[in-house]
Amino acid sequence: MIVALTTASTPGFSENAKPTPWVLSSDMGYAYDKEGKTFSYKMGTNNAGLLLKGAKKVPKGTLFFIGHNGQLYMRTGPYLEGDGKFMFGSE
């Protein structure tokens, strides 16, 4: 199964750093393969119906992250404190 998304890592990221938006494009597909590698693919429209068959919407408020074991995880639910700070920062 391929999960669509993209990942980025930033060395020395701290909880005080401002979050940066993902730049996702409607004509691109983002994949996380069976070996845990990420890829992006230029997409066309000739098979759009097949692509959407079985696809699921990602709920708003979803956090994606890589665990210590290298596995990709997703969590729905709160991930920001009341003041807007990331709940799971390094400190």
C-alpha atoms as a PDB file:
ATOM      1  CA  MET A   1       0.000   0.000   0.000  1.00  0.00           C
ATOM      2  CA  ILE A   2       1.258   3.482  -0.813  1.00  0.00           C
ATOM      3  CA  VAL A   3       0.380   6.403   1.442  1.00  0.00           C
ATOM      4  CA  ALA A   4       0.414   9.811  -0.238  1.00  0.00           C
ATOM      5  CA  LEU A   5       2.465  12.511   1.445  1.00  0.00           C
ATOM      6  CA  THR A   6       5.830  14.152   1.569  1.00  0.00           C
ATOM      7  CA  THR A   7       8.301  14.404   4.406  1.00  0.00           C
ATOM      8  CA  ALA A   8      11.063  16.811   5.257  1.00  0.00           C
ATOM      9  CA  SER A   9      13.596  16.959   8.036  1.00  0.00           C
ATOM     10  CA  THR A  10      15.295  19.977   9.482  1.00  0.00           C
ATOM     11  CA  PRO A  11      18.478  19.530  11.532  1.00  0.00           C
ATOM     12  CA  GLY A  12      18.391  21.295  14.865  1.00  0.00           C
ATOM     13  CA  PHE A  13      14.650  21.976  14.722  1.00  0.00           C
ATOM     14  CA  SER A  14      13.437  23.406  18.006  1.00  0.00           C
ATOM     15  CA  GLU A  15       9.984  24.001  19.391  1.00  0.00           C
ATOM     16  CA  ASN A  16      10.553  27.768  19.076  1.00  0.00           C
ATOM     17  CA  ALA A  17      11.057  27.516  15.314  1.00  0.00           C
ATOM     18  CA  LYS A  18       8.042  28.605  13.320  1.00  0.00           C
ATOM     19  CA  PRO A  19       6.280  25.836  11.409  1.00  0.00           C
ATOM     20  CA  THR A  20       6.631  25.915   7.652  1.00  0.00           C
ATOM     21  CA  PRO A  21       3.824  24.859   5.289  1.00  0.00           C
ATOM     22  CA  TRP A  22       4.142  21.881   2.996  1.00  0.00           C
ATOM     23  CA  VAL A  23       4.092  22.861  -0.635  1.00  0.00           C
ATOM     24  CA  LEU A  24       1.804  20.271  -2.207  1.00  0.00           C
ATOM     25  CA  SER A  25       0.563  20.565  -5.766  1.00  0.00           C
ATOM     26  CA  SER A  26      -2.643  19.191  -7.274  1.00  0.00           C
ATOM     27  CA  ASP A  27      -0.729  17.751 -10.243  1.00  0.00           C
ATOM     28  CA  MET A  28       1.704  15.752  -8.089  1.00  0.00           C
ATOM     29  CA  GLY A  29       1.364  12.471  -6.197  1.00  0.00           C
ATOM     30  CA  TYR A  30       3.381  11.866  -3.021  1.00  0.00           C
ATOM     31  CA  ALA A  31       4.159   8.317  -1.960  1.00  0.00           C
ATOM     32  CA  TYR A  32       5.562   6.470   1.051  1.00  0.00           C
ATOM     33  CA  ASP A  33       6.486   3.015  -0.217  1.00  0.00           C
ATOM     34  CA  LYS A  34       6.734  -0.403   1.438  1.00  0.00           C
ATOM     35  CA  GLU A  35      10.421   0.150   2.228  1.00  0.00           C
ATOM     36  CA  GLY A  36       9.716   3.500   3.921  1.00  0.00           C
ATOM     37  CA  LYS A  37      11.078   5.676   1.112  1.00  0.00           C
ATOM     38  CA  THR A  38       9.285   8.790  -0.109  1.00  0.00           C
ATOM     39  CA  PHE A  39       8.731   9.767  -3.725  1.00  0.00           C
ATOM     40  CA  SER A  40       6.886  12.399  -5.723  1.00  0.00           C
ATOM     41  CA  TYR A  41       5.282  11.717  -9.093  1.00  0.00           C
ATOM     42  CA  LYS A  42       4.016  14.047 -11.816  1.00  0.00           C
ATOM     43  CA  MET A  43       0.378  13.106 -12.367  1.00  0.00           C
ATOM     44  CA  GLY A  44      -1.920  13.334 -15.362  1.00  0.00           C
ATOM     45  CA  THR A  45      -5.697  13.224 -15.599  1.00  0.00           C
ATOM     46  CA  ASN A  46      -6.284  10.188 -17.812  1.00  0.00           C
ATOM     47  CA  ASN A  47      -6.645   7.794 -14.832  1.00  0.00           C
ATOM     48  CA  ALA A  48      -8.101  10.216 -12.269  1.00  0.00           C
ATOM     49  CA  GLY A  49     -11.166   8.036 -11.636  1.00  0.00           C
ATOM     50  CA  LEU A  50      -8.992   5.017 -10.905  1.00  0.00           C
ATOM     51  CA  LEU A  51      -6.764   7.089  -8.605  1.00  0.00           C
ATOM     52  CA  LEU A  52      -9.741   8.281  -6.547  1.00  0.00           C
ATOM     53  CA  LYS A  53     -11.244   4.793  -6.278  1.00  0.00           C
ATOM     54  CA  GLY A  54     -10.471   3.622  -2.754  1.00  0.00           C
ATOM     55  CA  ALA A  55      -8.788   6.905  -1.793  1.00  0.00           C
ATOM     56  CA  LYS A  56      -9.598   8.469   1.580  1.00  0.00           C
ATOM     57  CA  LYS A  57      -9.523  12.097   2.632  1.00  0.00           C
ATOM     58  CA  VAL A  58      -6.972  12.981   5.299  1.00  0.00           C
ATOM     59  CA  PRO A  59      -8.825  14.590   8.203  1.00  0.00           C
ATOM     60  CA  LYS A  60      -7.942  18.173   9.070  1.00  0.00           C
ATOM     61  CA  GLY A  61      -5.909  18.278  12.262  1.00  0.00           C
ATOM     62  CA  THR A  62      -3.710  15.302  11.302  1.00  0.00           C
ATOM     63  CA  LEU A  63      -0.042  15.215  12.318  1.00  0.00           C
ATOM     64  CA  PHE A  64       2.448  13.036  10.407  1.00  0.00           C
ATOM     65  CA  PHE A  65       5.764  12.089  11.996  1.00  0.00           C
ATOM     66  CA  ILE A  66       8.589   9.574  11.866  1.00  0.00           C
ATOM     67  CA  GLY A  67       9.069   7.540  15.061  1.00  0.00           C
ATOM     68  CA  HIS A  68      12.422   6.525  16.569  1.00  0.00           C
ATOM     69  CA  ASN A  69      12.084   3.228  14.695  1.00  0.00           C
ATOM     70  CA  GLY A  70      11.938   5.021  11.331  1.00  0.00           C
ATOM     71  CA  GLN A  71       8.241   4.191  10.864  1.00  0.00           C
ATOM     72  CA  LEU A  72       5.849   6.840   9.540  1.00  0.00           C
ATOM     73  CA  TYR A  73       2.933   7.569  11.867  1.00  0.00           C
ATOM     74  CA  MET A  74      -0.121   9.797  11.750  1.00  0.00           C
ATOM     75  CA  ARG A  75      -2.097  11.140  14.676  1.00  0.00           C
ATOM     76  CA  THR A  76      -5.410  12.924  14.626  1.00  0.00           C
ATOM     77  CA  GLY A  77      -6.210  15.083  17.571  1.00  0.00           C
ATOM     78  CA  PRO A  78      -4.552  17.961  19.335  1.00  0.00           C
ATOM     79  CA  TYR A  79      -0.890  18.653  18.685  1.00  0.00           C
ATOM     80  CA  LEU A  80      -0.760  22.339  19.655  1.00  0.00           C
ATOM     81  CA  GLU A  81      -0.959  23.888  23.108  1.00  0.00           C
ATOM     82  CA  GLY A  82      -3.543  26.594  23.787  1.00  0.00           C
ATOM     83  CA  ASP A  83      -0.928  29.268  23.008  1.00  0.00           C
ATOM     84  CA  GLY A  84      -0.126  27.681  19.631  1.00  0.00           C
ATOM     85  CA  LYS A  85       3.135  25.990  20.673  1.00  0.00           C
ATOM     86  CA  PHE A  86       3.815  22.453  19.459  1.00  0.00           C
ATOM     87  CA  MET A  87       2.884  20.006  22.263  1.00  0.00           C
ATOM     88  CA  PHE A  88       5.642  17.534  21.452  1.00  0.00           C
ATOM     89  CA  GLY A  89       8.646  19.865  21.252  1.00  0.00           C
ATOM     90  CA  SER A  90      12.120  18.902  22.375  1.00  0.00           C
ATOM     91  CA  GLU A  91      11.785  20.608  25.760  1.00  0.00           C
END
